[in-house]
Amino acid sequence: MLEFAGRQRELQALANFLQSTNAGLLILYGRRRIGKTRLLTHFLAQRPETPAFYWVATTHNEAYQLRDFSQAILRHDPRLAGPPTADFTFAGWEQALHHLGDIVALNPQPQPVVLDEFTYLLRNEPAISSIFQKAWDQRLSQIPQLKLILTGSLLGMMAREVFSYQAPLYGRAIAHMRLRPLPYAAVQEMFPERPADERVAIYGVTGGVPAYLELFTRTPSFVTALRDHCLLPGSMMLSDPAVILYEQLSQPQTYETVLSAIASGFHQWSDIAKMAGLPETALGRYLNVLQELEFIERREPVLSPLRSKSGRYFVRDHFLRFYYRFIVPQLGAIERGYQAAAASKIDAELRPFLGEHVFEELCREWVWAAALSGELDFTPEIVGSYWRTYRGKGVQLDVVAAAPRQKRLLIGEAKWGRGPLERHLLVDLQQRSQRMPQVAAGWQTQYVLFARAGFSDALQQEAQQSGARLISLAQLEQTLRR
């Protein structure tokens, strides 16, 4: 099993929640495979002396789930001498919850009560949120040691039934925790013996999703892991995208088509609509839902007006971006048993993808981390990239950080090539940046080059003379690890 890594902030938030003096409700949510259950079981395992109740909802019907919940409650009741009869069930959810509250009230210690995959319960019985709200208001919130944790993977349902103003449980939770993929620093922790560029590849493929990262721990070879585990028929990496979309959305086929278009390199509204076979007027609804689910994001050039016509859409979820860009075109070959050929083709075509997407994003993450650790001489307010057409010429700047009130900029270029960078790249970056109005207006600008494979002597000399910074992959990893 994959060693538990990362999540220090989440573990601390759970510890603070457990130590609160009043009854509390915490909502923990996130997409499938993100590690919600693993986080909670690890948290509880660190506290073996803490009495805890843990129950997982399933996709069974309501009668089955109520009986299963009832059985779990009685097994948790220290007042009973033996296990419940196999057919025992409470008359309803409210009675079950009140009995569970009575058990918690017997012990003065803070007690976590975890109802995992609560959204499966909501899907089978939408009225359950009203029942929980009534039980919480009348009884459970009066038990100081009760720390109720509800988790869910169906993000749209959580939004409707828990977070929306009209939802019965609205306002009851003292904390909402959205669990996101592990950061790159956790990948460094899990794969310390791998070459740095391979860690970037693993991160780009898995997106930091713990269940997918585990597949790469089974073999020391990246390509072998792709062939024997990721691309094997029945693998979670092949089946999950459809399951995720079908669970969350009412028209998954159209959303899949939109995701595929963006992952294939079509980032502008009109191009996405054309590739998805949709009228431009109909595209907005699909883009909005995908943004709410954090599958995609809209990016604007740094310092451009909000909602400008220059905005572009990108797949935010690393794994889905990899899946639709590389796996979908290979599905036919994979299903016919050509995993080795598919893995080799993906490996051969992965380098520009890693450079354009994953490495650039890590370089932007470096800016925030460097500012936090005091490696920059100003604190940026905005970090992103920049693009525009200037006098008929297009300009693209990979990394741009800005502090508008101080009129300070950091402008960087990320290169994922196999050879050391040469001097002309810095000169070119400095010249291209003049097409950005703030640079032309005299804002103080720091230039940075990021490289996978180092820098030539001539470039190092030029950088020293001009005050530019050169950040190797090893230096980038060191800063992100902090």
Protein backbone atom coordinates (compact mmCIF):
# COMPACT_ATOMS: atom_id res chain seq x y z
CA MET A 1 0.00 0.00 0.00
CA LEU A 2 1.13 3.53 -0.78
CA GLU A 3 2.65 5.21 2.26
CA PHE A 4 0.57 8.05 3.64
CA ALA A 5 2.10 11.33 2.47
CA GLY A 6 1.14 14.99 2.49
CA ARG A 7 -2.14 16.23 3.95
CA GLN A 8 -0.47 17.89 6.92
CA ARG A 9 -2.81 20.86 6.78
CA GLU A 10 -5.86 18.61 6.48
CA LEU A 11 -4.73 16.49 9.42
CA GLN A 12 -4.21 19.63 11.50
CA ALA A 13 -7.67 20.92 10.54
CA LEU A 14 -9.20 17.60 11.66
CA ALA A 15 -7.25 17.76 14.92
CA ASN A 16 -8.53 21.30 15.57
CA PHE A 17 -12.07 20.15 14.79
CA LEU A 18 -11.78 17.25 17.22
CA GLN A 19 -10.48 19.53 19.98
CA SER A 20 -13.30 22.07 19.72
CA THR A 21 -15.36 22.40 22.89
CA ASN A 22 -18.79 22.26 21.26
CA ALA A 23 -20.54 19.76 19.04
CA GLY A 24 -19.40 20.16 15.47
CA LEU A 25 -20.30 19.18 11.92
CA LEU A 26 -17.57 18.99 9.29
CA ILE A 27 -18.15 18.36 5.57
CA LEU A 28 -15.29 16.61 3.77
CA TYR A 29 -15.73 16.28 0.03
CA GLY A 30 -13.77 15.67 -3.16
CA ARG A 31 -13.74 13.60 -6.34
CA ARG A 32 -13.39 9.83 -6.42
CA ARG A 33 -9.97 8.33 -5.52
CA ILE A 34 -8.80 11.57 -3.92
CA GLY A 35 -8.15 9.92 -0.55
CA LYS A 36 -11.02 11.03 1.70
CA THR A 37 -11.39 7.64 3.36
CA ARG A 38 -7.63 7.19 3.64
CA LEU A 39 -7.26 10.60 5.28
CA LEU A 40 -9.91 9.83 7.88
CA THR A 41 -8.75 6.29 8.65
CA HIS A 42 -5.15 7.54 8.99
CA PHE A 43 -6.34 10.34 11.29
CA LEU A 44 -8.27 7.89 13.48
CA ALA A 45 -5.45 5.32 13.47
CA GLN A 46 -3.18 7.97 15.00
CA ARG A 47 -5.65 8.17 17.92
CA PRO A 48 -6.35 4.56 18.95
CA GLU A 49 -7.51 5.74 22.38
CA THR A 50 -10.26 7.91 20.86
CA PRO A 51 -13.66 6.20 20.59
CA ALA A 52 -14.93 6.64 17.04
CA PHE A 53 -17.92 5.52 14.96
CA TYR A 54 -17.29 4.91 11.25
CA TRP A 55 -19.92 3.91 8.71
CA VAL A 56 -19.78 3.87 4.90
CA ALA A 57 -22.90 4.39 2.81
CA THR A 58 -23.31 2.32 -0.36
CA THR A 59 -25.41 2.42 -3.50
CA HIS A 60 -27.96 -0.04 -2.07
CA ASN A 61 -31.58 0.98 -1.50
CA GLU A 62 -32.69 2.91 1.56
CA ALA A 63 -34.02 -0.11 3.50
CA TYR A 64 -30.67 -1.91 3.19
CA GLN A 65 -28.71 1.19 4.21
CA LEU A 66 -30.90 1.90 7.24
CA ARG A 67 -30.52 -1.71 8.39
CA ASP A 68 -26.74 -1.60 7.86
CA PHE A 69 -26.51 1.72 9.72
CA SER A 70 -28.66 0.35 12.55
CA GLN A 71 -26.49 -2.75 12.88
CA ALA A 72 -23.34 -0.61 13.02
CA ILE A 73 -24.83 1.57 15.75
CA LEU A 74 -25.75 -1.39 17.96
CA ARG A 75 -22.32 -2.96 17.52
CA HIS A 76 -20.90 0.38 18.73
CA ASP A 77 -23.17 0.46 21.80
CA PRO A 78 -21.13 -0.58 24.91
CA ARG A 79 -24.34 -1.24 26.84
CA LEU A 80 -25.24 -4.29 24.74
CA ALA A 81 -23.81 -7.67 25.67
CA GLY A 82 -23.81 -9.19 22.19
CA PRO A 83 -24.22 -8.41 18.49
CA PRO A 84 -27.64 -7.42 17.11
CA THR A 85 -29.83 -9.91 15.31
CA ALA A 86 -29.26 -10.01 11.56
CA ASP A 87 -32.66 -8.50 10.76
CA PHE A 88 -32.60 -5.67 13.30
CA THR A 89 -33.26 -2.19 12.01
CA PHE A 90 -34.45 1.02 13.62
CA ALA A 91 -37.87 2.24 12.56
CA GLY A 92 -36.32 5.24 10.81
CA TRP A 93 -33.21 7.36 10.40
CA GLU A 94 -34.23 9.79 13.10
CA GLN A 95 -34.45 7.05 15.74
CA ALA A 96 -31.11 5.66 14.61
CA LEU A 97 -29.41 9.06 14.87
CA HIS A 98 -30.88 9.74 18.32
CA HIS A 99 -29.66 6.33 19.54
CA LEU A 100 -26.20 7.09 18.17
CA GLY A 101 -26.25 10.41 20.00
CA ASP A 102 -27.13 8.63 23.25
CA ILE A 103 -24.09 6.36 22.82
CA VAL A 104 -21.76 9.32 22.24
CA ALA A 105 -23.17 11.10 25.30
CA LEU A 106 -22.08 8.18 27.54
CA ASN A 107 -18.40 9.08 27.15
CA PRO A 108 -17.02 12.57 27.91
CA GLN A 109 -14.20 12.22 25.36
CA PRO A 110 -14.47 13.99 21.99
CA GLN A 111 -15.80 11.37 19.58
CA PRO A 112 -15.60 11.44 15.77
CA VAL A 113 -18.73 10.09 14.08
CA VAL A 114 -17.93 9.54 10.40
CA LEU A 115 -20.60 8.89 7.77
CA ASP A 116 -18.54 8.18 4.67
CA GLU A 117 -19.98 8.69 1.17
CA PHE A 118 -23.00 10.53 2.54
CA THR A 119 -23.94 11.54 -1.00
CA TYR A 120 -24.79 7.93 -1.87
CA LEU A 121 -27.35 8.10 0.92
CA LEU A 122 -28.68 11.39 -0.44
CA ARG A 123 -28.98 9.97 -3.94
CA ASN A 124 -31.17 7.10 -2.73
CA GLU A 125 -33.22 9.18 -0.29
CA PRO A 126 -33.14 12.97 -0.92
CA ALA A 127 -35.21 13.63 2.23
CA ILE A 128 -32.37 12.31 4.39
CA SER A 129 -30.77 15.76 4.61
CA SER A 130 -33.94 17.13 6.24
CA ILE A 131 -33.96 14.21 8.68
CA PHE A 132 -30.31 14.89 9.56
CA GLN A 133 -31.04 18.59 9.97
CA LYS A 134 -33.89 17.87 12.38
CA ALA A 135 -31.82 15.37 14.41
CA TRP A 136 -28.90 17.81 14.50
CA ASP A 137 -30.99 20.74 15.66
CA GLN A 138 -33.01 18.80 18.25
CA ARG A 139 -30.42 16.47 19.77
CA LEU A 140 -27.01 15.98 18.22
CA SER A 141 -25.84 19.61 18.40
CA GLN A 142 -26.47 19.51 22.16
CA ILE A 143 -23.81 16.82 22.73
CA PRO A 144 -20.48 18.70 23.09
CA GLN A 145 -18.27 15.67 22.50
CA LEU A 146 -19.97 14.75 19.19
CA LYS A 147 -17.85 15.55 16.12
CA LEU A 148 -19.90 14.56 13.07
CA ILE A 149 -18.05 14.22 9.76
CA LEU A 150 -19.99 13.76 6.52
CA THR A 151 -18.06 12.94 3.35
CA GLY A 152 -19.11 12.84 -0.29
CA SER A 153 -17.79 12.28 -3.80
CA LEU A 154 -20.80 13.53 -5.78
CA LEU A 155 -19.81 17.18 -5.87
CA GLY A 156 -22.93 18.47 -7.60
CA MET A 157 -25.14 16.78 -5.05
CA MET A 158 -23.09 18.19 -2.19
CA ALA A 159 -23.55 21.65 -3.67
CA ARG A 160 -27.33 21.23 -3.97
CA GLU A 161 -28.09 19.31 -0.78
CA VAL A 162 -25.49 20.65 1.68
CA PHE A 163 -23.97 23.95 0.54
CA SER A 164 -26.81 25.79 -1.19
CA TYR A 165 -28.81 28.37 0.77
CA GLN A 166 -31.98 26.29 0.38
CA ALA A 167 -30.37 23.05 1.62
CA PRO A 168 -31.61 21.77 5.01
CA LEU A 169 -28.06 21.40 6.34
CA TYR A 170 -27.01 24.87 5.19
CA GLY A 171 -25.21 26.76 7.95
CA ARG A 172 -24.90 23.79 10.31
CA ALA A 173 -21.32 22.84 9.43
CA ILE A 174 -18.53 24.71 11.19
CA ALA A 175 -16.04 23.64 8.50
CA HIS A 176 -16.05 22.61 4.84
CA MET A 177 -12.95 20.80 3.60
CA ARG A 178 -12.58 20.14 -0.12
CA LEU A 179 -9.90 17.53 -0.60
CA ARG A 180 -7.84 18.18 -3.69
CA PRO A 181 -5.05 16.17 -5.34
CA LEU A 182 -1.73 15.91 -3.54
CA PRO A 183 0.80 18.64 -4.38
CA TYR A 184 4.03 17.93 -6.21
CA ALA A 185 5.95 17.96 -2.92
CA ALA A 186 4.08 14.79 -1.89
CA VAL A 187 5.16 13.10 -5.13
CA GLN A 188 8.76 13.98 -4.24
CA GLU A 189 8.21 12.39 -0.84
CA MET A 190 6.76 9.20 -2.34
CA PHE A 191 9.35 8.72 -5.09
CA PRO A 192 12.64 10.02 -3.63
CA GLU A 193 14.79 7.58 -5.62
CA ARG A 194 13.32 8.40 -9.04
CA PRO A 195 14.95 10.95 -11.38
CA ALA A 196 13.36 14.38 -11.07
CA ASP A 197 12.06 14.43 -14.65
CA GLU A 198 10.33 11.08 -14.01
CA ARG A 199 8.65 12.52 -10.92
CA VAL A 200 7.30 15.31 -13.11
CA ALA A 201 6.01 12.69 -15.57
CA ILE A 202 4.31 10.71 -12.78
CA TYR A 203 2.72 13.90 -11.47
CA GLY A 204 1.57 14.89 -14.96
CA VAL A 205 -0.07 11.51 -15.54
CA THR A 206 -1.69 11.02 -12.12
CA GLY A 207 -2.39 14.62 -11.21
CA GLY A 208 -1.47 13.82 -7.62
CA VAL A 209 -4.46 11.49 -7.14
CA PRO A 210 -3.29 9.00 -4.46
CA ALA A 211 -4.92 5.90 -5.98
CA TYR A 212 -3.20 6.52 -9.33
CA LEU A 213 0.13 7.31 -7.69
CA GLU A 214 0.02 3.89 -6.04
CA LEU A 215 0.14 2.23 -9.48
CA PHE A 216 3.58 3.76 -10.07
CA THR A 217 4.96 2.33 -6.81
CA ARG A 218 4.54 -1.22 -8.12
CA THR A 219 7.48 -1.02 -10.54
CA PRO A 220 10.56 1.24 -10.78
CA SER A 221 9.95 1.80 -14.52
CA PHE A 222 7.61 4.56 -15.65
CA VAL A 223 6.80 2.86 -18.99
CA THR A 224 6.29 -0.52 -17.32
CA ALA A 225 3.84 1.02 -14.85
CA LEU A 226 1.95 2.54 -17.77
CA ARG A 227 1.87 -0.76 -19.64
CA ASP A 228 1.16 -3.23 -16.83
CA HIS A 229 -1.04 -1.19 -14.50
CA CYS A 230 -2.39 2.07 -15.95
CA LEU A 231 -3.35 0.77 -19.41
CA LEU A 232 -4.49 -2.69 -18.37
CA PRO A 233 -8.15 -3.33 -19.37
CA GLY A 234 -10.23 -2.81 -16.24
CA SER A 235 -7.68 -0.44 -14.69
CA MET A 236 -9.14 2.38 -12.64
CA MET A 237 -7.27 4.85 -14.85
CA LEU A 238 -9.23 3.60 -17.86
CA SER A 239 -12.62 3.36 -16.20
CA ASP A 240 -12.66 6.28 -13.77
CA PRO A 241 -13.26 9.22 -16.16
CA ALA A 242 -16.52 7.79 -17.46
CA VAL A 243 -17.64 6.86 -13.94
CA ILE A 244 -16.77 10.32 -12.60
CA LEU A 245 -18.71 12.07 -15.34
CA TYR A 246 -21.69 9.71 -15.30
CA GLU A 247 -22.00 10.08 -11.52
CA GLN A 248 -21.86 13.85 -11.62
CA LEU A 249 -23.62 14.90 -14.83
CA SER A 250 -26.88 14.38 -16.66
CA GLN A 251 -25.39 14.65 -20.19
CA PRO A 252 -21.95 13.09 -19.74
CA GLN A 253 -21.34 12.46 -23.45
CA THR A 254 -21.47 16.17 -24.30
CA TYR A 255 -19.25 17.07 -21.35
CA GLU A 256 -16.76 14.41 -22.44
CA THR A 257 -16.67 15.92 -25.92
CA VAL A 258 -15.99 19.39 -24.48
CA LEU A 259 -13.24 18.03 -22.23
CA SER A 260 -11.65 16.18 -25.15
CA ALA A 261 -11.61 19.33 -27.25
CA ILE A 262 -9.89 21.38 -24.55
CA ALA A 263 -7.42 18.61 -23.70
CA SER A 264 -6.52 18.32 -27.40
CA GLY A 265 -5.37 21.94 -27.48
CA PHE A 266 -8.48 23.93 -28.37
CA HIS A 267 -8.68 26.63 -25.72
CA GLN A 268 -10.81 29.41 -27.21
CA TRP A 269 -14.60 29.50 -27.04
CA SER A 270 -15.25 29.30 -30.77
CA ASP A 271 -12.74 26.49 -31.32
CA ILE A 272 -14.12 24.43 -28.41
CA ALA A 273 -17.68 24.81 -29.70
CA LYS A 274 -16.62 23.79 -33.21
CA MET A 275 -14.71 20.70 -32.05
CA ALA A 276 -17.53 19.68 -29.68
CA GLY A 277 -20.18 20.12 -32.38
CA LEU A 278 -22.09 22.66 -30.30
CA PRO A 279 -23.55 26.08 -31.15
CA GLU A 280 -21.43 28.76 -29.49
CA THR A 281 -24.53 29.97 -27.64
CA ALA A 282 -24.96 26.53 -26.02
CA LEU A 283 -21.36 26.06 -24.90
CA GLY A 284 -21.47 28.33 -21.84
CA ARG A 285 -23.60 25.99 -19.73
CA TYR A 286 -21.19 23.08 -20.18
CA LEU A 287 -18.14 25.23 -19.47
CA ASN A 288 -19.71 26.64 -16.31
CA VAL A 289 -20.54 23.20 -14.89
CA LEU A 290 -17.07 21.85 -15.68
CA GLN A 291 -15.54 24.86 -13.93
CA GLU A 292 -17.72 24.34 -10.85
CA LEU A 293 -16.49 20.75 -10.68
CA GLU A 294 -12.89 22.04 -11.08
CA PHE A 295 -12.34 19.87 -14.15
CA ILE A 296 -11.48 22.94 -16.24
CA GLU A 297 -10.58 26.57 -15.57
CA ARG A 298 -10.69 29.83 -17.48
CA ARG A 299 -7.44 31.76 -17.56
CA GLU A 300 -6.92 35.38 -18.44
CA PRO A 301 -3.61 36.99 -19.39
CA VAL A 302 -2.02 38.48 -16.27
CA LEU A 303 -3.13 42.11 -15.74
CA SER A 304 -5.73 41.93 -18.52
CA PRO A 305 -9.32 43.14 -17.86
CA LEU A 306 -11.49 40.49 -16.22
CA ARG A 307 -13.60 38.42 -18.61
CA SER A 308 -11.71 39.82 -21.56
CA LYS A 309 -12.08 38.26 -24.99
CA SER A 310 -8.55 36.89 -24.55
CA GLY A 311 -9.64 34.33 -21.95
CA ARG A 312 -8.85 30.68 -22.67
CA TYR A 313 -10.05 27.40 -21.17
CA PHE A 314 -7.72 24.68 -19.90
CA VAL A 315 -8.26 21.28 -18.32
CA ARG A 316 -7.44 21.87 -14.66
CA ASP A 317 -7.51 18.22 -13.55
CA HIS A 318 -4.11 16.82 -14.54
CA PHE A 319 -5.31 13.24 -14.81
CA LEU A 320 -8.31 14.07 -16.99
CA ARG A 321 -6.07 16.19 -19.21
CA PHE A 322 -3.71 13.25 -19.65
CA TYR A 323 -6.57 10.80 -20.17
CA TYR A 324 -8.32 12.73 -22.93
CA ARG A 325 -5.08 13.78 -24.62
CA PHE A 326 -3.32 10.39 -24.62
CA ILE A 327 -5.46 7.48 -23.49
CA VAL A 328 -8.68 8.12 -25.43
CA PRO A 329 -6.93 7.98 -28.84
CA GLN A 330 -5.34 4.66 -27.76
CA LEU A 331 -8.44 2.97 -26.34
CA GLY A 332 -8.98 0.78 -29.39
CA ALA A 333 -5.41 -0.52 -29.32
CA ILE A 334 -5.56 -1.02 -25.54
CA GLU A 335 -8.76 -3.04 -25.72
CA ARG A 336 -7.18 -5.28 -28.41
CA GLY A 337 -4.26 -6.02 -26.10
CA TYR A 338 -1.62 -3.64 -27.49
CA GLN A 339 -0.71 -2.14 -24.13
CA ALA A 340 3.04 -2.18 -24.83
CA ALA A 341 2.65 -0.27 -28.09
CA ALA A 342 0.27 2.21 -26.49
CA ALA A 343 2.61 2.79 -23.53
CA SER A 344 5.59 3.33 -25.87
CA LYS A 345 3.65 5.78 -28.03
CA ILE A 346 2.47 7.75 -25.00
CA ASP A 347 5.99 7.86 -23.57
CA ALA A 348 7.39 9.09 -26.89
CA GLU A 349 4.82 11.89 -27.19
CA LEU A 350 4.76 12.93 -23.54
CA ARG A 351 7.71 15.35 -23.50
CA PRO A 352 6.09 18.36 -25.20
CA PHE A 353 2.92 17.79 -23.17
CA LEU A 354 4.90 17.85 -19.91
CA GLY A 355 6.75 20.97 -20.99
CA GLU A 356 3.69 22.89 -22.16
CA HIS A 357 1.42 22.02 -19.27
CA VAL A 358 2.92 20.30 -16.25
CA PHE A 359 6.36 21.95 -16.05
CA GLU A 360 4.97 25.41 -16.77
CA GLU A 361 2.41 24.99 -14.00
CA LEU A 362 5.09 23.81 -11.58
CA CYS A 363 7.13 26.89 -12.45
CA ARG A 364 4.17 29.10 -11.58
CA GLU A 365 3.82 27.15 -8.32
CA TRP A 366 7.52 27.86 -7.71
CA VAL A 367 6.80 31.59 -7.75
CA TRP A 368 4.30 31.33 -4.89
CA ALA A 369 6.58 28.97 -2.93
CA ALA A 370 9.62 31.19 -3.51
CA ALA A 371 7.75 34.26 -2.31
CA LEU A 372 6.59 32.39 0.80
CA SER A 373 10.13 31.25 1.62
CA GLY A 374 11.67 34.68 1.05
CA GLU A 375 13.49 33.84 -2.18
CA LEU A 376 11.89 36.79 -4.02
CA ASP A 377 12.41 40.44 -3.20
CA PHE A 378 8.71 41.21 -3.66
CA THR A 379 5.44 39.45 -2.93
CA PRO A 380 3.33 38.87 -6.05
CA GLU A 381 -0.42 39.39 -5.95
CA ILE A 382 -1.08 37.57 -9.23
CA VAL A 383 0.72 34.63 -10.86
CA GLY A 384 -0.17 33.27 -14.26
CA SER A 385 0.90 33.60 -17.86
CA TYR A 386 0.50 36.24 -20.55
CA TRP A 387 -0.47 36.24 -24.19
CA ARG A 388 -1.59 38.82 -26.71
CA THR A 389 -1.23 39.90 -30.30
CA TYR A 390 0.86 43.07 -30.56
CA ARG A 391 1.21 44.87 -33.90
CA GLY A 392 0.40 41.70 -35.73
CA LYS A 393 2.83 39.59 -33.69
CA GLY A 394 1.78 37.10 -31.05
CA VAL A 395 3.56 37.02 -27.72
CA GLN A 396 3.41 34.22 -25.13
CA LEU A 397 5.07 34.48 -21.71
CA ASP A 398 4.96 31.24 -19.70
CA VAL A 399 5.30 32.64 -16.19
CA VAL A 400 4.26 36.14 -15.15
CA ALA A 401 3.93 37.33 -11.55
CA ALA A 402 2.83 40.84 -10.74
CA ALA A 403 2.55 43.22 -7.80
CA PRO A 404 0.59 46.07 -9.46
CA ARG A 405 0.75 48.49 -6.55
CA GLN A 406 4.54 48.27 -6.52
CA LYS A 407 4.76 48.07 -10.32
CA ARG A 408 6.85 44.93 -10.01
CA LEU A 409 6.96 41.96 -12.40
CA LEU A 410 8.60 38.58 -12.63
CA ILE A 411 8.65 37.13 -16.15
CA GLY A 412 9.85 33.60 -16.82
CA GLU A 413 10.26 31.03 -19.53
CA ALA A 414 9.99 27.27 -18.89
CA LYS A 415 11.96 24.86 -21.08
CA TRP A 416 11.63 21.06 -20.88
CA GLY A 417 14.28 20.21 -23.48
CA ARG A 418 17.00 17.63 -22.93
CA GLY A 419 19.92 20.01 -23.48
CA PRO A 420 21.19 23.03 -21.48
CA LEU A 421 19.63 26.37 -22.32
CA GLU A 422 21.64 28.85 -24.36
CA ARG A 423 22.20 32.60 -23.96
CA HIS A 424 19.89 33.63 -26.80
CA LEU A 425 16.83 32.37 -24.90
CA LEU A 426 17.29 35.00 -22.19
CA VAL A 427 17.84 37.75 -24.75
CA ASP A 428 14.74 36.62 -26.65
CA LEU A 429 12.65 36.57 -23.46
CA GLN A 430 13.72 40.10 -22.58
CA GLN A 431 12.87 41.34 -26.08
CA ARG A 432 9.48 39.58 -26.28
CA SER A 433 8.46 40.89 -22.88
CA GLN A 434 8.59 44.44 -24.26
CA ARG A 435 5.29 43.64 -26.02
CA MET A 436 3.67 43.55 -22.58
CA PRO A 437 2.45 47.11 -21.84
CA GLN A 438 3.63 47.14 -18.23
CA VAL A 439 7.18 46.22 -19.25
CA ALA A 440 7.17 48.87 -21.96
CA ALA A 441 5.92 51.37 -19.35
CA GLY A 442 9.00 50.76 -17.21
CA TRP A 443 7.75 48.43 -14.47
CA GLN A 444 10.66 46.86 -12.57
CA THR A 445 11.06 43.38 -14.04
CA GLN A 446 12.92 40.28 -12.81
CA TYR A 447 13.63 37.66 -15.50
CA VAL A 448 13.78 33.94 -14.75
CA LEU A 449 14.59 30.93 -16.90
CA PHE A 450 13.48 27.48 -15.72
CA ALA A 451 15.21 24.44 -17.20
CA ARG A 452 15.03 20.68 -16.95
CA ALA A 453 18.62 20.20 -18.16
CA GLY A 454 20.63 23.16 -16.89
CA PHE A 455 22.25 26.19 -18.50
CA SER A 456 25.22 26.86 -20.76
CA ASP A 457 28.23 28.81 -19.48
CA ALA A 458 27.38 31.71 -21.79
CA LEU A 459 23.85 31.89 -20.41
CA GLN A 460 25.07 31.79 -16.83
CA GLN A 461 27.45 34.67 -17.56
CA GLU A 462 24.70 36.70 -19.26
CA ALA A 463 22.29 36.06 -16.36
CA GLN A 464 24.87 37.21 -13.84
CA GLN A 465 25.45 40.43 -15.76
CA SER A 466 21.77 41.22 -16.30
CA GLY A 467 20.49 40.09 -12.89
CA ALA A 468 18.31 37.32 -14.30
CA ARG A 469 17.68 34.15 -12.30
CA LEU A 470 18.28 30.61 -13.55
CA ILE A 471 16.25 27.90 -11.81
CA SER A 472 17.13 24.27 -12.44
CA LEU A 473 14.71 21.41 -11.92
CA ALA A 474 16.60 20.47 -8.75
CA GLN A 475 16.24 24.02 -7.39
CA LEU A 476 12.56 24.08 -8.31
CA GLU A 477 11.99 20.83 -6.43
CA GLN A 478 13.88 22.12 -3.42
CA THR A 479 11.69 25.22 -3.17
CA LEU A 480 8.45 23.30 -3.70
CA ARG A 481 9.47 20.77 -1.03
CA ARG A 482 9.57 23.55 1.56
